[in-house]
Structure formats: C-alpha cells, structure tokens
N, C-alpha and C. Protein backbone atom coordinates (compact mmCIF):
# COMPACT_ATOMS: atom_id res chain seq x y z
N UNK A 1 0.84 -1.21 -0.01
CA UNK A 1 -0.01 -0.02 0.02
C UNK A 1 0.88 1.23 -0.03
N UNK A 2 0.29 2.24 -0.54
CA UNK A 2 1.04 3.50 -0.65
C UNK A 2 0.81 4.36 0.59
N UNK A 3 1.88 5.03 1.11
CA UNK A 3 1.82 5.85 2.25
C UNK A 3 1.56 7.26 1.88
N UNK A 4 0.95 8.02 2.76
CA UNK A 4 0.62 9.44 2.56
C UNK A 4 1.99 10.21 2.43
N UNK A 5 1.97 11.24 1.63
CA UNK A 5 3.16 12.10 1.47
C UNK A 5 3.28 12.97 2.70
N UNK A 6 4.51 13.20 3.09
CA UNK A 6 4.77 14.06 4.22
C UNK A 6 6.19 14.60 4.14
N UNK A 7 6.34 15.92 4.22
CA UNK A 7 7.66 16.52 4.14
C UNK A 7 8.13 16.91 5.54
N UNK A 8 9.11 16.09 6.07
CA UNK A 8 9.64 16.33 7.36
C UNK A 8 11.07 16.83 7.32
N UNK A 9 11.58 17.01 6.10
CA UNK A 9 12.99 17.40 5.94
C UNK A 9 13.28 18.67 6.65
N UNK A 10 14.28 18.64 7.55
CA UNK A 10 14.78 19.81 8.22
C UNK A 10 13.93 20.22 9.43
N UNK A 11 12.89 19.49 9.71
CA UNK A 11 11.97 19.88 10.83
C UNK A 11 12.52 19.19 12.13
N UNK A 12 12.26 19.86 13.21
CA UNK A 12 12.68 19.40 14.57
C UNK A 12 12.11 18.03 14.81
N UNK A 13 13.01 17.18 15.38
CA UNK A 13 12.58 15.84 15.75
C UNK A 13 12.29 15.88 17.27
N UNK A 14 11.09 16.33 17.61
CA UNK A 14 10.75 16.47 19.03
C UNK A 14 10.83 15.22 19.80
N UNK A 15 10.69 14.09 19.15
CA UNK A 15 10.83 12.79 19.84
C UNK A 15 12.17 12.60 20.48
N UNK A 16 13.19 13.39 20.03
CA UNK A 16 14.50 13.28 20.65
C UNK A 16 14.50 13.70 22.11
N UNK A 17 13.50 14.51 22.43
CA UNK A 17 13.37 14.97 23.85
C UNK A 17 12.95 13.83 24.78
N UNK A 18 12.38 12.80 24.26
CA UNK A 18 11.90 11.68 25.12
C UNK A 18 13.05 10.99 25.82
N UNK A 19 14.26 11.22 25.35
CA UNK A 19 15.37 10.69 26.07
C UNK A 19 15.63 11.44 27.43
N UNK A 20 14.99 12.53 27.58
CA UNK A 20 15.15 13.37 28.80
C UNK A 20 13.89 13.20 29.68
N UNK A 21 13.35 12.00 29.77
CA UNK A 21 12.08 11.81 30.45
C UNK A 21 12.06 12.41 31.86
N UNK A 22 13.04 12.08 32.69
CA UNK A 22 13.09 12.60 34.04
C UNK A 22 13.03 14.12 34.08
N UNK A 23 13.86 14.72 33.23
CA UNK A 23 13.87 16.20 33.22
C UNK A 23 12.53 16.71 32.79
N UNK A 24 11.88 16.13 31.79
CA UNK A 24 10.57 16.56 31.35
C UNK A 24 9.52 16.45 32.44
N UNK A 25 9.53 15.34 33.17
CA UNK A 25 8.60 15.18 34.26
C UNK A 25 8.87 16.22 35.34
N UNK A 26 10.07 16.45 35.72
CA UNK A 26 10.35 17.48 36.71
C UNK A 26 10.01 18.80 36.29
N UNK A 27 10.21 19.15 35.08
CA UNK A 27 9.86 20.46 34.52
C UNK A 27 8.33 20.58 34.53
N UNK A 28 7.59 19.55 34.21
CA UNK A 28 6.14 19.57 34.26
C UNK A 28 5.64 19.81 35.71
N UNK A 29 6.34 19.17 36.67
CA UNK A 29 5.97 19.32 38.08
C UNK A 29 6.20 20.82 38.43
N UNK A 30 7.35 21.36 38.05
CA UNK A 30 7.64 22.77 38.43
C UNK A 30 6.61 23.70 37.70
N UNK A 31 6.26 23.50 36.51
CA UNK A 31 5.31 24.29 35.82
C UNK A 31 3.90 24.18 36.49
N UNK A 32 3.54 23.02 36.91
CA UNK A 32 2.30 22.83 37.65
C UNK A 32 2.25 23.64 38.92
N UNK A 33 3.36 23.59 39.70
CA UNK A 33 3.44 24.35 40.94
C UNK A 33 3.36 25.90 40.67
N UNK A 34 4.00 26.28 39.58
CA UNK A 34 3.96 27.71 39.23
C UNK A 34 2.52 28.15 38.85
N UNK A 35 1.79 27.24 38.21
CA UNK A 35 0.41 27.64 37.89
C UNK A 35 -0.50 27.65 39.07
N UNK A 36 -0.09 26.93 40.13
CA UNK A 36 -0.87 26.99 41.39
C UNK A 36 -0.54 28.30 42.09
N UNK A 37 0.71 28.66 42.12
CA UNK A 37 1.15 29.86 42.81
C UNK A 37 0.66 31.12 42.12
N UNK A 38 0.72 31.08 40.76
CA UNK A 38 0.30 32.20 39.93
C UNK A 38 -0.78 31.75 39.03
N UNK A 39 -2.05 31.85 39.47
CA UNK A 39 -3.14 31.28 38.73
C UNK A 39 -3.33 31.87 37.26
N UNK A 40 -4.02 31.09 36.44
CA UNK A 40 -4.24 31.58 35.10
C UNK A 40 -5.08 32.87 35.12
N UNK A 41 -5.04 33.57 34.03
CA UNK A 41 -5.85 34.81 33.83
C UNK A 41 -7.33 34.34 33.76
N UNK A 42 -8.24 35.28 33.94
CA UNK A 42 -9.63 34.95 33.89
C UNK A 42 -10.04 34.21 32.62
N UNK A 43 -9.35 34.51 31.47
CA UNK A 43 -9.67 33.81 30.19
C UNK A 43 -8.92 32.48 30.03
N UNK A 44 -8.24 32.01 31.04
CA UNK A 44 -7.60 30.74 31.03
C UNK A 44 -6.15 30.75 30.50
N UNK A 45 -5.61 31.91 30.28
CA UNK A 45 -4.25 32.01 29.80
C UNK A 45 -3.32 31.78 30.93
N UNK A 46 -2.27 30.94 30.76
CA UNK A 46 -1.26 30.85 31.86
C UNK A 46 -0.63 32.22 32.24
N UNK A 47 -0.56 32.53 33.49
CA UNK A 47 0.02 33.83 33.87
C UNK A 47 1.36 34.09 33.29
N UNK A 48 2.23 33.03 33.27
CA UNK A 48 3.63 33.20 32.79
C UNK A 48 3.64 33.71 31.37
N UNK A 49 2.58 33.26 30.59
CA UNK A 49 2.61 33.54 29.11
C UNK A 49 2.36 35.04 28.85
N UNK A 50 2.02 35.81 29.84
CA UNK A 50 1.85 37.21 29.67
C UNK A 50 3.16 37.94 29.45
N UNK A 51 4.21 37.36 29.97
CA UNK A 51 5.56 37.88 29.74
C UNK A 51 5.72 39.33 30.21
N UNK A 52 6.47 40.10 29.48
CA UNK A 52 6.68 41.50 29.82
C UNK A 52 7.78 41.73 30.82
N UNK A 53 8.61 40.68 31.04
CA UNK A 53 9.73 40.76 31.89
C UNK A 53 11.04 40.95 31.13
N UNK A 54 11.99 41.72 31.65
CA UNK A 54 13.27 41.81 30.93
C UNK A 54 14.10 40.52 31.02
N UNK A 55 15.01 40.39 30.07
CA UNK A 55 15.84 39.19 30.11
C UNK A 55 16.53 38.97 31.47
N UNK A 56 16.98 40.05 32.07
CA UNK A 56 17.70 39.90 33.32
C UNK A 56 16.90 39.22 34.44
N UNK A 57 15.60 39.42 34.42
CA UNK A 57 14.72 38.79 35.41
C UNK A 57 14.73 37.26 35.29
N UNK A 58 14.62 36.76 34.07
CA UNK A 58 14.70 35.32 33.86
C UNK A 58 16.10 34.78 34.10
N UNK A 59 17.07 35.55 33.68
CA UNK A 59 18.51 35.10 33.83
C UNK A 59 18.84 35.11 35.34
N UNK A 60 18.46 36.10 36.06
CA UNK A 60 18.73 36.16 37.51
C UNK A 60 18.09 35.02 38.25
N UNK A 61 16.85 34.73 37.94
CA UNK A 61 16.16 33.61 38.59
C UNK A 61 16.85 32.30 38.24
N UNK A 62 17.18 32.08 36.97
CA UNK A 62 17.87 30.89 36.54
C UNK A 62 19.18 30.67 37.30
N UNK A 63 19.92 31.78 37.40
CA UNK A 63 21.26 31.76 38.06
C UNK A 63 21.12 31.54 39.60
N UNK A 64 20.08 32.09 40.17
CA UNK A 64 19.87 31.81 41.65
C UNK A 64 19.62 30.31 41.84
N UNK A 65 18.81 29.70 40.99
CA UNK A 65 18.55 28.27 41.14
C UNK A 65 19.76 27.43 40.81
N UNK A 66 20.53 27.82 39.86
CA UNK A 66 21.82 27.10 39.53
C UNK A 66 22.79 27.22 40.76
N UNK A 67 22.80 28.37 41.30
CA UNK A 67 23.68 28.58 42.51
C UNK A 67 23.27 27.71 43.68
N UNK A 68 21.99 27.54 43.84
CA UNK A 68 21.48 26.60 44.91
C UNK A 68 22.01 25.17 44.63
N UNK A 69 21.93 24.79 43.38
CA UNK A 69 22.41 23.41 43.06
C UNK A 69 23.95 23.28 43.33
N UNK A 70 24.71 24.35 42.94
CA UNK A 70 26.16 24.30 43.13
C UNK A 70 26.44 24.24 44.65
N UNK A 71 25.56 24.87 45.47
CA UNK A 71 25.76 24.84 46.93
C UNK A 71 25.25 23.57 47.62
N UNK A 72 24.74 22.66 46.76
CA UNK A 72 24.37 21.35 47.28
C UNK A 72 22.83 21.31 47.64
N UNK A 73 22.07 22.29 47.30
CA UNK A 73 20.62 22.30 47.61
C UNK A 73 19.86 21.91 46.39
N UNK A 74 19.25 20.75 46.41
CA UNK A 74 18.55 20.16 45.21
C UNK A 74 17.11 20.65 45.05
N UNK A 75 16.45 20.83 46.21
CA UNK A 75 14.98 21.10 46.16
C UNK A 75 14.70 22.51 46.69
N UNK A 76 13.92 23.25 45.94
CA UNK A 76 13.47 24.58 46.27
C UNK A 76 12.38 24.44 47.39
N UNK A 77 12.65 24.92 48.58
CA UNK A 77 11.68 24.77 49.70
C UNK A 77 10.33 25.51 49.39
N UNK A 78 10.38 26.57 48.60
CA UNK A 78 9.16 27.29 48.33
C UNK A 78 8.22 26.55 47.38
N UNK A 79 8.71 25.95 46.37
CA UNK A 79 7.87 25.21 45.41
C UNK A 79 7.86 23.68 45.63
N UNK A 80 8.90 23.21 46.29
CA UNK A 80 9.01 21.74 46.45
C UNK A 80 9.51 21.08 45.24
N UNK A 81 9.89 21.79 44.19
CA UNK A 81 10.47 21.18 43.01
C UNK A 81 11.97 21.39 42.96
N UNK A 82 12.59 20.68 42.04
CA UNK A 82 14.06 20.74 41.92
C UNK A 82 14.50 22.13 41.42
N UNK A 83 15.58 22.65 42.00
CA UNK A 83 16.20 23.91 41.51
C UNK A 83 16.61 23.81 40.00
N UNK A 84 17.11 22.64 39.61
CA UNK A 84 17.48 22.49 38.20
C UNK A 84 16.27 22.72 37.32
N UNK A 85 15.10 22.27 37.73
CA UNK A 85 13.92 22.39 36.90
C UNK A 85 13.47 23.87 36.83
N UNK A 86 13.66 24.54 37.96
CA UNK A 86 13.31 25.98 38.02
C UNK A 86 14.24 26.81 37.06
N UNK A 87 15.55 26.41 37.06
CA UNK A 87 16.45 27.09 36.23
C UNK A 87 16.17 26.82 34.70
N UNK A 88 15.81 25.59 34.40
CA UNK A 88 15.47 25.29 33.02
C UNK A 88 14.22 26.04 32.64
N UNK A 89 13.21 26.09 33.54
CA UNK A 89 11.96 26.80 33.24
C UNK A 89 12.21 28.25 32.88
N UNK A 90 13.05 28.90 33.69
CA UNK A 90 13.36 30.28 33.43
C UNK A 90 14.06 30.55 32.12
N UNK A 91 14.93 29.65 31.77
CA UNK A 91 15.64 29.77 30.47
C UNK A 91 14.65 29.49 29.33
N UNK A 92 13.72 28.54 29.47
CA UNK A 92 12.70 28.31 28.46
C UNK A 92 11.75 29.46 28.27
N UNK A 93 11.39 30.06 29.44
CA UNK A 93 10.52 31.27 29.36
C UNK A 93 11.19 32.39 28.67
N UNK A 94 12.48 32.60 28.99
CA UNK A 94 13.26 33.59 28.31
C UNK A 94 13.28 33.42 26.79
N UNK A 95 13.57 32.23 26.38
CA UNK A 95 13.63 31.90 24.96
C UNK A 95 12.22 32.06 24.32
N UNK A 96 11.20 31.60 25.00
CA UNK A 96 9.87 31.64 24.39
C UNK A 96 9.26 33.05 24.39
N UNK A 97 9.47 33.78 25.45
CA UNK A 97 8.79 35.10 25.55
C UNK A 97 9.62 36.21 25.00
N UNK A 98 10.92 36.17 25.19
CA UNK A 98 11.79 37.29 24.79
C UNK A 98 12.58 37.07 23.56
N UNK A 99 12.38 35.90 22.93
CA UNK A 99 13.04 35.64 21.61
C UNK A 99 11.98 35.08 20.66
N UNK A 100 10.83 35.68 20.52
CA UNK A 100 9.72 35.04 19.74
C UNK A 100 9.91 35.24 18.22
N UNK A 101 10.85 35.96 17.76
CA UNK A 101 10.91 36.20 16.33
C UNK A 101 11.60 35.15 15.52
N UNK A 102 12.16 34.17 16.21
CA UNK A 102 12.79 33.04 15.55
C UNK A 102 11.73 32.13 14.94
N UNK A 103 11.95 31.71 13.64
CA UNK A 103 10.94 30.84 13.03
C UNK A 103 11.08 29.45 13.67
N UNK A 104 9.97 28.95 14.06
CA UNK A 104 9.93 27.53 14.55
C UNK A 104 9.07 26.70 13.63
N UNK A 105 9.63 25.81 12.88
CA UNK A 105 8.85 25.01 11.93
C UNK A 105 8.80 23.59 12.50
N UNK A 106 7.62 23.27 13.05
CA UNK A 106 7.40 21.93 13.57
C UNK A 106 6.95 20.99 12.48
C-alpha cells in the first residue's frame, strides 16, 4: 500500500526529547506548581505567558537556582520542585517570551 506524502525534511525531531524523560517530568511538576502559585488569567491563559519581563529577570532567577544546586541544595523549599527544573523553566521562558521572532517550523 502507498503511504501518505509528508515533508519532514529539516523539521525538529521532538521525539529526541523523550530521552530526557526525568527532566521533562520534573519540568512539568515545576510548571504545575507555578500555575498553582500564579493562577491563570480569567480567560484561562497561563499567567507566565503574559511575559513583559526583561531578560535579566529570567537570567537572575535561573542563576539563583543554579547557585543553589552548586551549593548542594537540590530542592526549592518554596515550590518543592528541583532547583534544576526551575532554572530550566526560566531559560525556556526567556527563549519563548523574549526571543519570539525566531521561526519555529514543527
């Protein structure tokens, strides 16, 4: 039988991220805690997606969490999630919110 045509040349292979299962689970936990702390807008939009923060705010937060890891502290007592996940989240938010002009072809 003939298969449907599909052009995936040069597109991101998101399945490659599945090798980072633990990191993805911890990042999801951190994001969930953040949405509890900072509830969605009345129209259901995640609060974080409103953005409007300078690069330095995301970088400072990421570096604070990285510093905690370097000092031997794995878990953020405020959120109960791993500092590494918080650092990753801040870097992802920076890239998503403050660098939106890059073309992403999925």
